[in-house]
Amino acid sequence: MYVGRFLIVGPDRGAYRVSSRSFPNRRIVERGDRLTVGPTADAEETENPYVSYNCVRSMGEGVVLGNGSHVDPIAEKVGLGYPARDALATGLLALDYEKDDYDTPRIAGVLDGEDALIGIVRRDALLVERVTEPTLVATYEKDAPEPVEFAPESAAEAARTAYDHEFEHAVCAAGVVREGDGFAWAIENGQD
């Protein structure tokens, strides 16, 4: 089954995976306090604004995961002291679903040391939920939060578990796991 991009958020761990049929030549790289999805050296040039973005961003004791440019304003609002729920809802609503050929939803999760939240903005809805167990949401087919088995012990295991998930067209993945007062992260770029 093809579900597009997806993320999993649990109380102390999470993961984000790029799955793509249209733009498979992408990878995740670390850039200071964030992980960024971008084209590989052999990728064709594109004007598509949805191909490159920060997919994980740390802020203080927390982390934000998502499939687009909404990750930055959500992280900034949490960093300024907004409640995670408000930052997530505001960021998703402000940027809305992607105005591409598929009306691709935006998905995001926040792990802030106190709460774990997951959200999606689709053409027909904005959903933001507090989660107490690992929960998945995807851009297609699985576009409402649902519980999922996900119990990695390390960030590398979280990234690999997301990358190896049964959903089709894996491109790259990132995993995060709480370590002390913050989160460790890892990247899985497949046959990189």
N, C-alpha and C. Protein backbone atom coordinates (compact mmCIF):
# COMPACT_ATOMS: atom_id res chain seq x y z
N MET A 1 0.85 -1.18 0.00
CA MET A 1 0.00 0.00 0.00
C MET A 1 0.89 1.24 0.00
N TYR A 2 0.52 2.23 -0.81
CA TYR A 2 1.26 3.48 -0.85
C TYR A 2 0.52 4.51 -0.01
N VAL A 3 1.20 5.03 1.02
CA VAL A 3 0.58 6.02 1.90
C VAL A 3 1.28 7.37 1.84
N GLY A 4 2.28 7.50 0.97
CA GLY A 4 3.03 8.75 0.90
C GLY A 4 3.92 8.92 2.12
N ARG A 5 4.13 10.17 2.53
CA ARG A 5 4.94 10.42 3.72
C ARG A 5 4.14 10.03 4.95
N PHE A 6 4.85 9.52 5.98
CA PHE A 6 4.15 9.23 7.22
C PHE A 6 5.04 9.51 8.40
N LEU A 7 4.39 9.68 9.55
CA LEU A 7 5.15 9.83 10.78
C LEU A 7 4.47 9.04 11.88
N ILE A 8 5.28 8.69 12.85
CA ILE A 8 4.82 7.98 14.04
C ILE A 8 5.27 8.80 15.24
N VAL A 9 4.35 9.04 16.16
CA VAL A 9 4.67 9.77 17.37
C VAL A 9 4.19 8.95 18.55
N GLY A 10 5.09 8.75 19.51
CA GLY A 10 4.74 8.08 20.76
C GLY A 10 5.25 8.96 21.89
N PRO A 11 4.95 8.63 23.09
CA PRO A 11 5.35 9.52 24.19
C PRO A 11 6.84 9.86 24.24
N ASP A 12 7.72 8.91 23.94
CA ASP A 12 9.16 9.16 24.05
C ASP A 12 9.94 8.83 22.78
N ARG A 13 9.25 8.67 21.67
CA ARG A 13 9.93 8.31 20.42
C ARG A 13 9.08 8.71 19.24
N GLY A 14 9.73 8.75 18.09
CA GLY A 14 8.99 9.07 16.88
C GLY A 14 9.83 8.76 15.65
N ALA A 15 9.19 8.87 14.50
CA ALA A 15 9.89 8.64 13.23
C ALA A 15 9.14 9.35 12.12
N TYR A 16 9.87 9.70 11.08
CA TYR A 16 9.30 10.30 9.88
C TYR A 16 9.91 9.59 8.68
N ARG A 17 9.06 9.25 7.70
CA ARG A 17 9.58 8.60 6.49
C ARG A 17 9.06 9.28 5.24
N VAL A 18 9.98 9.50 4.33
CA VAL A 18 9.62 9.95 2.99
C VAL A 18 9.38 8.70 2.16
N SER A 19 8.20 8.60 1.59
CA SER A 19 7.86 7.57 0.62
C SER A 19 7.41 8.35 -0.61
N SER A 20 7.96 8.03 -1.77
CA SER A 20 7.62 8.84 -2.93
C SER A 20 7.75 8.05 -4.21
N ARG A 21 6.77 8.26 -5.08
CA ARG A 21 6.84 7.71 -6.43
C ARG A 21 7.38 8.77 -7.39
N SER A 22 7.09 10.04 -7.12
CA SER A 22 7.44 11.12 -8.04
C SER A 22 8.86 11.66 -7.85
N PHE A 23 9.33 11.73 -6.61
CA PHE A 23 10.65 12.30 -6.33
C PHE A 23 11.45 11.36 -5.41
N PRO A 24 11.89 10.19 -5.94
CA PRO A 24 12.59 9.23 -5.10
C PRO A 24 14.05 9.57 -4.81
N ASN A 25 14.63 10.50 -5.54
CA ASN A 25 16.05 10.82 -5.37
C ASN A 25 16.25 11.90 -4.32
N ARG A 26 15.92 11.52 -3.06
CA ARG A 26 16.08 12.44 -1.94
C ARG A 26 16.76 11.72 -0.80
N ARG A 27 17.29 12.50 0.10
CA ARG A 27 17.94 11.97 1.29
C ARG A 27 17.76 12.97 2.43
N ILE A 28 18.03 12.51 3.63
CA ILE A 28 17.97 13.37 4.80
C ILE A 28 19.40 13.66 5.25
N VAL A 29 19.67 14.91 5.57
CA VAL A 29 20.98 15.31 6.08
C VAL A 29 20.80 16.08 7.38
N GLU A 30 21.81 16.02 8.23
CA GLU A 30 21.78 16.77 9.50
C GLU A 30 22.36 18.15 9.26
N ARG A 31 21.68 19.17 9.78
CA ARG A 31 22.12 20.56 9.66
C ARG A 31 21.92 21.24 11.01
N GLY A 32 22.86 21.05 11.91
CA GLY A 32 22.78 21.69 13.23
C GLY A 32 21.63 21.12 14.04
N ASP A 33 20.62 21.95 14.33
CA ASP A 33 19.51 21.54 15.18
C ASP A 33 18.33 20.99 14.38
N ARG A 34 18.60 20.53 13.16
CA ARG A 34 17.51 20.03 12.31
C ARG A 34 17.99 18.97 11.34
N LEU A 35 17.04 18.19 10.86
CA LEU A 35 17.27 17.22 9.78
C LEU A 35 16.49 17.72 8.58
N THR A 36 17.13 17.72 7.42
CA THR A 36 16.54 18.30 6.22
C THR A 36 16.45 17.28 5.10
N VAL A 37 15.27 17.20 4.48
CA VAL A 37 15.06 16.39 3.29
C VAL A 37 15.46 17.24 2.09
N GLY A 38 16.24 16.66 1.20
CA GLY A 38 16.64 17.37 -0.02
C GLY A 38 17.02 16.40 -1.11
N PRO A 39 17.20 16.91 -2.32
CA PRO A 39 17.54 16.05 -3.45
C PRO A 39 18.96 15.49 -3.33
N THR A 40 19.15 14.31 -3.90
CA THR A 40 20.49 13.73 -3.99
C THR A 40 21.23 14.42 -5.13
N ALA A 41 22.52 14.19 -5.22
CA ALA A 41 23.33 14.83 -6.26
C ALA A 41 22.86 14.45 -7.66
N ASP A 42 22.30 13.25 -7.82
CA ASP A 42 21.87 12.80 -9.15
C ASP A 42 20.39 13.07 -9.45
N ALA A 43 19.71 13.80 -8.58
CA ALA A 43 18.29 14.11 -8.79
C ALA A 43 18.13 15.13 -9.91
N GLU A 44 17.03 15.00 -10.64
CA GLU A 44 16.72 15.98 -11.67
C GLU A 44 16.33 17.30 -11.01
N GLU A 45 16.64 18.41 -11.66
CA GLU A 45 16.26 19.72 -11.16
C GLU A 45 14.73 19.83 -11.14
N THR A 46 14.20 20.50 -10.11
CA THR A 46 12.76 20.70 -10.02
C THR A 46 12.46 22.05 -9.39
N GLU A 47 11.35 22.62 -9.79
CA GLU A 47 10.85 23.85 -9.20
C GLU A 47 9.84 23.55 -8.10
N ASN A 48 9.57 22.27 -7.83
CA ASN A 48 8.57 21.85 -6.87
C ASN A 48 8.97 22.32 -5.46
N PRO A 49 8.15 23.16 -4.83
CA PRO A 49 8.52 23.69 -3.51
C PRO A 49 8.37 22.69 -2.38
N TYR A 50 7.80 21.51 -2.66
CA TYR A 50 7.53 20.53 -1.61
C TYR A 50 8.58 19.41 -1.54
N VAL A 51 9.66 19.51 -2.30
CA VAL A 51 10.67 18.46 -2.36
C VAL A 51 11.71 18.60 -1.24
N SER A 52 12.05 19.82 -0.86
CA SER A 52 13.08 20.08 0.17
C SER A 52 12.45 20.80 1.36
N TYR A 53 12.78 20.33 2.58
CA TYR A 53 12.21 20.93 3.79
C TYR A 53 12.87 20.31 5.01
N ASN A 54 12.73 20.99 6.15
CA ASN A 54 13.17 20.43 7.42
C ASN A 54 12.11 19.44 7.88
N CYS A 55 12.53 18.20 8.16
CA CYS A 55 11.57 17.17 8.57
C CYS A 55 11.63 16.89 10.07
N VAL A 56 12.71 17.27 10.73
CA VAL A 56 12.85 17.14 12.18
C VAL A 56 13.59 18.38 12.67
N ARG A 57 13.08 18.95 13.73
CA ARG A 57 13.74 20.12 14.29
C ARG A 57 13.68 20.07 15.80
N SER A 58 14.82 20.25 16.44
CA SER A 58 14.83 20.23 17.90
C SER A 58 14.58 21.64 18.41
N MET A 59 13.94 21.70 19.57
CA MET A 59 13.73 22.97 20.25
C MET A 59 13.71 22.68 21.74
N GLY A 60 14.76 23.15 22.42
CA GLY A 60 14.86 22.91 23.86
C GLY A 60 14.89 21.43 24.18
N GLU A 61 13.93 21.01 24.99
CA GLU A 61 13.85 19.60 25.39
C GLU A 61 12.95 18.78 24.48
N GLY A 62 12.50 19.37 23.38
CA GLY A 62 11.56 18.67 22.51
C GLY A 62 12.01 18.60 21.07
N VAL A 63 11.11 18.06 20.26
CA VAL A 63 11.39 17.88 18.84
C VAL A 63 10.07 17.94 18.07
N VAL A 64 10.14 18.47 16.84
CA VAL A 64 9.00 18.53 15.93
C VAL A 64 9.36 17.71 14.70
N LEU A 65 8.41 16.90 14.22
CA LEU A 65 8.58 16.11 13.01
C LEU A 65 7.48 16.50 12.03
N GLY A 66 7.76 16.45 10.73
CA GLY A 66 6.71 16.75 9.76
C GLY A 66 7.18 16.66 8.33
N ASN A 67 6.23 16.85 7.42
CA ASN A 67 6.50 16.64 6.00
C ASN A 67 6.60 17.93 5.19
N GLY A 68 6.98 19.06 5.83
CA GLY A 68 7.10 20.26 5.02
C GLY A 68 7.51 21.49 5.79
N SER A 69 7.33 22.63 5.15
CA SER A 69 7.78 23.91 5.69
C SER A 69 7.06 24.32 6.98
N HIS A 70 6.00 23.65 7.34
CA HIS A 70 5.29 23.94 8.59
C HIS A 70 6.08 23.51 9.83
N VAL A 71 7.08 22.66 9.66
CA VAL A 71 7.90 22.20 10.79
C VAL A 71 8.56 23.39 11.49
N ASP A 72 9.08 24.33 10.72
CA ASP A 72 9.80 25.47 11.30
C ASP A 72 8.91 26.36 12.16
N PRO A 73 7.76 26.86 11.67
CA PRO A 73 6.95 27.70 12.55
C PRO A 73 6.40 26.96 13.77
N ILE A 74 6.13 25.67 13.65
CA ILE A 74 5.67 24.91 14.81
C ILE A 74 6.79 24.88 15.86
N ALA A 75 8.01 24.55 15.43
CA ALA A 75 9.15 24.50 16.36
C ALA A 75 9.42 25.86 16.98
N GLU A 76 9.32 26.91 16.19
CA GLU A 76 9.57 28.25 16.71
C GLU A 76 8.53 28.64 17.76
N LYS A 77 7.27 28.31 17.52
CA LYS A 77 6.22 28.64 18.50
C LYS A 77 6.41 27.86 19.79
N VAL A 78 6.73 26.58 19.70
CA VAL A 78 6.99 25.79 20.90
C VAL A 78 8.18 26.38 21.65
N GLY A 79 9.23 26.75 20.90
CA GLY A 79 10.41 27.35 21.50
C GLY A 79 10.12 28.68 22.20
N LEU A 80 9.09 29.39 21.74
CA LEU A 80 8.69 30.66 22.37
C LEU A 80 7.77 30.47 23.57
N GLY A 81 7.40 29.21 23.84
CA GLY A 81 6.57 28.93 25.00
C GLY A 81 5.11 28.64 24.71
N TYR A 82 4.73 28.61 23.45
CA TYR A 82 3.34 28.24 23.12
C TYR A 82 3.09 26.81 23.59
N PRO A 83 1.89 26.51 24.05
CA PRO A 83 1.56 25.10 24.32
C PRO A 83 1.71 24.30 23.02
N ALA A 84 2.22 23.08 23.12
CA ALA A 84 2.47 22.26 21.93
C ALA A 84 1.23 22.11 21.07
N ARG A 85 0.08 21.91 21.70
CA ARG A 85 -1.17 21.74 20.95
C ARG A 85 -1.48 22.97 20.11
N ASP A 86 -1.31 24.16 20.69
CA ASP A 86 -1.59 25.40 19.97
C ASP A 86 -0.60 25.62 18.83
N ALA A 87 0.67 25.36 19.10
CA ALA A 87 1.69 25.53 18.07
C ALA A 87 1.43 24.58 16.89
N LEU A 88 1.07 23.35 17.19
CA LEU A 88 0.80 22.37 16.14
C LEU A 88 -0.42 22.77 15.32
N ALA A 89 -1.53 23.09 15.99
CA ALA A 89 -2.75 23.47 15.29
C ALA A 89 -2.55 24.75 14.47
N THR A 90 -1.89 25.75 15.05
CA THR A 90 -1.68 27.02 14.36
C THR A 90 -0.80 26.84 13.13
N GLY A 91 0.30 26.09 13.28
CA GLY A 91 1.21 25.87 12.16
C GLY A 91 0.56 25.11 11.01
N LEU A 92 -0.19 24.07 11.34
CA LEU A 92 -0.87 23.30 10.29
C LEU A 92 -1.95 24.13 9.61
N LEU A 93 -2.73 24.85 10.39
CA LEU A 93 -3.82 25.65 9.82
C LEU A 93 -3.27 26.80 8.96
N ALA A 94 -2.22 27.46 9.44
CA ALA A 94 -1.67 28.60 8.70
C ALA A 94 -1.14 28.20 7.33
N LEU A 95 -0.44 27.07 7.25
CA LEU A 95 0.14 26.66 5.96
C LEU A 95 -0.80 25.78 5.16
N ASP A 96 -1.78 25.18 5.81
CA ASP A 96 -2.83 24.41 5.15
C ASP A 96 -2.24 23.24 4.35
N TYR A 97 -3.11 22.48 3.69
CA TYR A 97 -2.64 21.35 2.89
C TYR A 97 -1.85 21.89 1.70
N GLU A 98 -1.04 21.04 1.09
CA GLU A 98 -0.22 21.47 -0.04
C GLU A 98 -1.10 21.67 -1.27
N LYS A 99 -0.85 22.73 -1.98
CA LYS A 99 -1.63 23.05 -3.18
C LYS A 99 -0.97 22.41 -4.40
N ASP A 100 -0.84 21.08 -4.37
CA ASP A 100 -0.29 20.33 -5.49
C ASP A 100 -1.42 19.59 -6.20
N ASP A 101 -1.09 18.73 -7.13
CA ASP A 101 -2.10 17.99 -7.89
C ASP A 101 -2.91 17.02 -7.03
N TYR A 102 -2.41 16.70 -5.83
CA TYR A 102 -3.06 15.70 -4.98
C TYR A 102 -3.67 16.29 -3.70
N ASP A 103 -3.57 17.62 -3.54
CA ASP A 103 -4.01 18.24 -2.30
C ASP A 103 -3.39 17.52 -1.11
N THR A 104 -2.09 17.30 -1.17
CA THR A 104 -1.37 16.52 -0.17
C THR A 104 -1.52 17.14 1.22
N PRO A 105 -1.96 16.35 2.19
CA PRO A 105 -2.05 16.86 3.56
C PRO A 105 -0.67 17.17 4.15
N ARG A 106 -0.66 18.03 5.12
CA ARG A 106 0.54 18.26 5.93
C ARG A 106 0.36 17.49 7.22
N ILE A 107 1.41 16.82 7.64
CA ILE A 107 1.39 16.04 8.88
C ILE A 107 2.51 16.54 9.78
N ALA A 108 2.29 16.44 11.09
CA ALA A 108 3.33 16.87 12.03
C ALA A 108 3.11 16.23 13.39
N GLY A 109 4.18 16.14 14.15
CA GLY A 109 4.13 15.65 15.51
C GLY A 109 5.03 16.48 16.40
N VAL A 110 4.65 16.60 17.66
CA VAL A 110 5.46 17.34 18.63
C VAL A 110 5.69 16.45 19.84
N LEU A 111 6.93 16.32 20.24
CA LEU A 111 7.32 15.67 21.49
C LEU A 111 8.05 16.76 22.27
N ASP A 112 7.44 17.26 23.34
CA ASP A 112 8.04 18.42 24.00
C ASP A 112 8.47 18.18 25.44
N GLY A 113 8.61 16.95 25.83
CA GLY A 113 9.03 16.67 27.20
C GLY A 113 7.86 16.49 28.14
N GLU A 114 6.71 17.06 27.81
CA GLU A 114 5.51 16.90 28.62
C GLU A 114 4.42 16.15 27.86
N ASP A 115 4.27 16.48 26.60
CA ASP A 115 3.21 15.90 25.78
C ASP A 115 3.76 15.29 24.51
N ALA A 116 2.96 14.43 23.92
CA ALA A 116 3.19 13.93 22.57
C ALA A 116 1.90 14.19 21.81
N LEU A 117 2.03 14.93 20.70
CA LEU A 117 0.85 15.26 19.91
C LEU A 117 1.11 14.94 18.45
N ILE A 118 0.03 14.65 17.72
CA ILE A 118 0.12 14.36 16.30
C ILE A 118 -0.98 15.13 15.60
N GLY A 119 -0.71 15.58 14.38
CA GLY A 119 -1.71 16.34 13.67
C GLY A 119 -1.62 16.19 12.17
N ILE A 120 -2.72 16.56 11.52
CA ILE A 120 -2.80 16.55 10.07
C ILE A 120 -3.78 17.63 9.64
N VAL A 121 -3.45 18.31 8.56
CA VAL A 121 -4.41 19.20 7.92
C VAL A 121 -4.62 18.67 6.51
N ARG A 122 -5.87 18.32 6.25
CA ARG A 122 -6.28 17.83 4.93
C ARG A 122 -7.18 18.88 4.30
N ARG A 123 -7.57 18.64 3.07
CA ARG A 123 -8.49 19.55 2.39
C ARG A 123 -9.79 19.70 3.19
N ASP A 124 -10.21 18.63 3.89
CA ASP A 124 -11.51 18.62 4.56
C ASP A 124 -11.44 18.65 6.09
N ALA A 125 -10.25 18.72 6.68
CA ALA A 125 -10.20 18.66 8.14
C ALA A 125 -8.84 19.08 8.69
N LEU A 126 -8.88 19.50 9.94
CA LEU A 126 -7.68 19.71 10.76
C LEU A 126 -7.86 18.84 11.99
N LEU A 127 -6.95 17.90 12.21
CA LEU A 127 -7.01 17.00 13.37
C LEU A 127 -5.73 17.16 14.18
N VAL A 128 -5.86 17.40 15.48
CA VAL A 128 -4.72 17.45 16.39
C VAL A 128 -5.11 16.63 17.61
N GLU A 129 -4.28 15.63 17.93
CA GLU A 129 -4.59 14.74 19.04
C GLU A 129 -3.39 14.56 19.95
N ARG A 130 -3.64 14.53 21.24
CA ARG A 130 -2.63 14.15 22.23
C ARG A 130 -2.56 12.63 22.19
N VAL A 131 -1.37 12.06 22.22
CA VAL A 131 -1.24 10.61 22.15
C VAL A 131 -0.53 10.06 23.37
N THR A 132 -0.93 8.87 23.79
CA THR A 132 -0.31 8.21 24.92
C THR A 132 0.30 6.88 24.51
N GLU A 133 0.16 6.55 23.22
CA GLU A 133 0.77 5.34 22.66
C GLU A 133 1.24 5.69 21.25
N PRO A 134 2.16 4.93 20.69
CA PRO A 134 2.62 5.24 19.34
C PRO A 134 1.44 5.33 18.37
N THR A 135 1.45 6.42 17.59
CA THR A 135 0.34 6.73 16.69
C THR A 135 0.91 7.14 15.34
N LEU A 136 0.29 6.67 14.28
CA LEU A 136 0.74 6.92 12.92
C LEU A 136 -0.28 7.79 12.20
N VAL A 137 0.23 8.68 11.34
CA VAL A 137 -0.61 9.40 10.39
C VAL A 137 0.21 9.54 9.10
N ALA A 138 -0.48 9.45 7.96
CA ALA A 138 0.18 9.52 6.66
C ALA A 138 -0.55 10.50 5.75
N THR A 139 0.09 10.86 4.67
CA THR A 139 -0.52 11.83 3.76
C THR A 139 -1.65 11.21 2.93
N TYR A 140 -1.59 9.90 2.69
CA TYR A 140 -2.64 9.24 1.91
C TYR A 140 -3.05 7.94 2.60
N GLU A 141 -4.26 7.51 2.38
CA GLU A 141 -4.81 6.25 2.89
C GLU A 141 -4.94 6.18 4.41
N LYS A 142 -3.91 6.54 5.14
CA LYS A 142 -3.90 6.50 6.61
C LYS A 142 -3.90 7.95 7.12
N ASP A 143 -4.85 8.75 6.63
CA ASP A 143 -4.83 10.18 6.89
C ASP A 143 -5.64 10.63 8.10
N ALA A 144 -5.80 9.70 9.04
CA ALA A 144 -6.35 10.01 10.36
C ALA A 144 -5.47 9.27 11.37
N PRO A 145 -5.09 9.89 12.48
CA PRO A 145 -4.22 9.23 13.44
C PRO A 145 -4.77 7.88 13.90
N GLU A 146 -3.87 6.87 13.96
CA GLU A 146 -4.26 5.54 14.42
C GLU A 146 -3.11 4.90 15.17
N PRO A 147 -3.41 4.12 16.21
CA PRO A 147 -2.35 3.45 16.98
C PRO A 147 -1.57 2.48 16.08
N VAL A 148 -0.28 2.32 16.41
CA VAL A 148 0.59 1.42 15.65
C VAL A 148 1.64 0.86 16.61
N GLU A 149 2.11 -0.35 16.34
CA GLU A 149 3.20 -0.92 17.14
C GLU A 149 4.50 -0.24 16.74
N PHE A 150 5.22 0.27 17.75
CA PHE A 150 6.46 0.99 17.48
C PHE A 150 7.20 1.12 18.80
N ALA A 151 8.24 0.30 18.99
CA ALA A 151 8.95 0.30 20.27
C ALA A 151 10.46 0.22 20.10
N PRO A 152 11.05 1.07 19.27
CA PRO A 152 12.51 1.03 19.12
C PRO A 152 13.22 1.49 20.39
N GLU A 153 14.38 0.95 20.62
CA GLU A 153 15.18 1.33 21.79
C GLU A 153 16.13 2.48 21.50
N SER A 154 16.46 2.71 20.23
CA SER A 154 17.41 3.76 19.87
C SER A 154 16.87 4.55 18.68
N ALA A 155 17.46 5.71 18.46
CA ALA A 155 17.06 6.53 17.32
C ALA A 155 17.37 5.82 16.01
N ALA A 156 18.51 5.13 15.95
CA ALA A 156 18.85 4.39 14.72
C ALA A 156 17.83 3.29 14.45
N GLU A 157 17.40 2.61 15.50
CA GLU A 157 16.38 1.57 15.34
C GLU A 157 15.04 2.19 14.92
N ALA A 158 14.72 3.36 15.42
CA ALA A 158 13.47 4.04 15.03
C ALA A 158 13.50 4.41 13.55
N ALA A 159 14.63 4.95 13.09
CA ALA A 159 14.76 5.31 11.68
C ALA A 159 14.69 4.07 10.79
N ARG A 160 15.38 3.02 11.19
CA ARG A 160 15.38 1.79 10.38
C ARG A 160 14.00 1.13 10.37
N THR A 161 13.31 1.14 11.51
CA THR A 161 11.98 0.55 11.59
C THR A 161 11.02 1.29 10.66
N ALA A 162 11.08 2.62 10.66
CA ALA A 162 10.22 3.40 9.77
C ALA A 162 10.58 3.13 8.31
N TYR A 163 11.87 3.11 8.01
CA TYR A 163 12.31 2.88 6.63
C TYR A 163 11.85 1.50 6.13
N ASP A 164 11.93 0.50 7.00
CA ASP A 164 11.58 -0.87 6.61
C ASP A 164 10.08 -1.17 6.72
N HIS A 165 9.28 -0.20 7.11
CA HIS A 165 7.84 -0.44 7.25
C HIS A 165 7.28 -0.99 5.95
N GLU A 166 6.20 -1.74 6.06
CA GLU A 166 5.62 -2.42 4.91
C GLU A 166 5.09 -1.49 3.82
N PHE A 167 4.85 -0.23 4.11
CA PHE A 167 4.33 0.68 3.10
C PHE A 167 5.34 0.84 1.96
N GLU A 168 4.81 1.06 0.76
CA GLU A 168 5.63 1.06 -0.46
C GLU A 168 6.43 2.35 -0.67
N HIS A 169 7.49 2.23 -1.47
CA HIS A 169 8.30 3.33 -2.00
C HIS A 169 9.09 4.11 -0.94
N ALA A 170 9.76 3.39 -0.04
CA ALA A 170 10.61 4.04 0.96
C ALA A 170 11.74 4.79 0.26
N VAL A 171 12.02 6.00 0.72
CA VAL A 171 13.10 6.81 0.18
C VAL A 171 14.14 7.07 1.27
N CYS A 172 13.70 7.60 2.42
CA CYS A 172 14.59 7.89 3.53
C CYS A 172 13.74 8.06 4.79
N ALA A 173 14.40 8.00 5.96
CA ALA A 173 13.66 8.09 7.22
C ALA A 173 14.54 8.70 8.30
N ALA A 174 13.87 9.25 9.30
CA ALA A 174 14.54 9.77 10.48
C ALA A 174 13.84 9.20 11.71
N GLY A 175 14.62 8.92 12.75
CA GLY A 175 14.06 8.42 14.00
C GLY A 175 14.53 9.28 15.15
N VAL A 176 13.68 9.43 16.17
CA VAL A 176 14.03 10.17 17.38
C VAL A 176 13.62 9.36 18.60
N VAL A 177 14.46 9.40 19.64
CA VAL A 177 14.18 8.70 20.89
C VAL A 177 14.67 9.59 22.03
N ARG A 178 13.84 9.68 23.08
CA ARG A 178 14.23 10.48 24.24
C ARG A 178 15.49 9.90 24.88
N GLU A 179 16.42 10.81 25.17
CA GLU A 179 17.63 10.48 25.91
C GLU A 179 17.85 11.59 26.93
N GLY A 180 17.64 11.29 28.18
CA GLY A 180 17.79 12.30 29.23
C GLY A 180 16.79 13.42 29.07
N ASP A 181 17.30 14.66 29.00
CA ASP A 181 16.44 15.83 28.89
C ASP A 181 16.14 16.24 27.45
N GLY A 182 16.56 15.45 26.49
CA GLY A 182 16.33 15.80 25.09
C GLY A 182 16.07 14.58 24.24
N PHE A 183 16.28 14.71 22.94
CA PHE A 183 16.05 13.63 22.00
C PHE A 183 17.29 13.41 21.15
N ALA A 184 17.63 12.14 20.95
CA ALA A 184 18.67 11.77 20.00
C ALA A 184 17.98 11.45 18.69
N TRP A 185 18.67 11.69 17.58
CA TRP A 185 18.09 11.33 16.29
C TRP A 185 19.07 10.58 15.43
N ALA A 186 18.52 9.90 14.43
CA ALA A 186 19.32 9.14 13.48
C ALA A 186 18.63 9.19 12.13
N ILE A 187 19.42 8.93 11.10
CA ILE A 187 18.94 9.00 9.71
C ILE A 187 19.15 7.65 9.04
N GLU A 188 18.19 7.27 8.20
CA GLU A 188 18.32 6.06 7.36
C GLU A 188 18.04 6.48 5.92
N ASN A 189 19.08 6.47 5.10
CA ASN A 189 18.94 6.86 3.69
C ASN A 189 18.99 5.66 2.74
N GLY A 190 18.67 4.48 3.25
CA GLY A 190 18.63 3.31 2.38
C GLY A 190 19.99 2.92 1.86
N GLN A 191 20.13 2.78 0.57
CA GLN A 191 21.37 2.32 -0.05
C GLN A 191 22.35 3.45 -0.26
N ASP A 192 22.30 4.43 0.57
CA ASP A 192 23.15 5.63 0.50
C ASP A 192 24.62 5.29 0.46
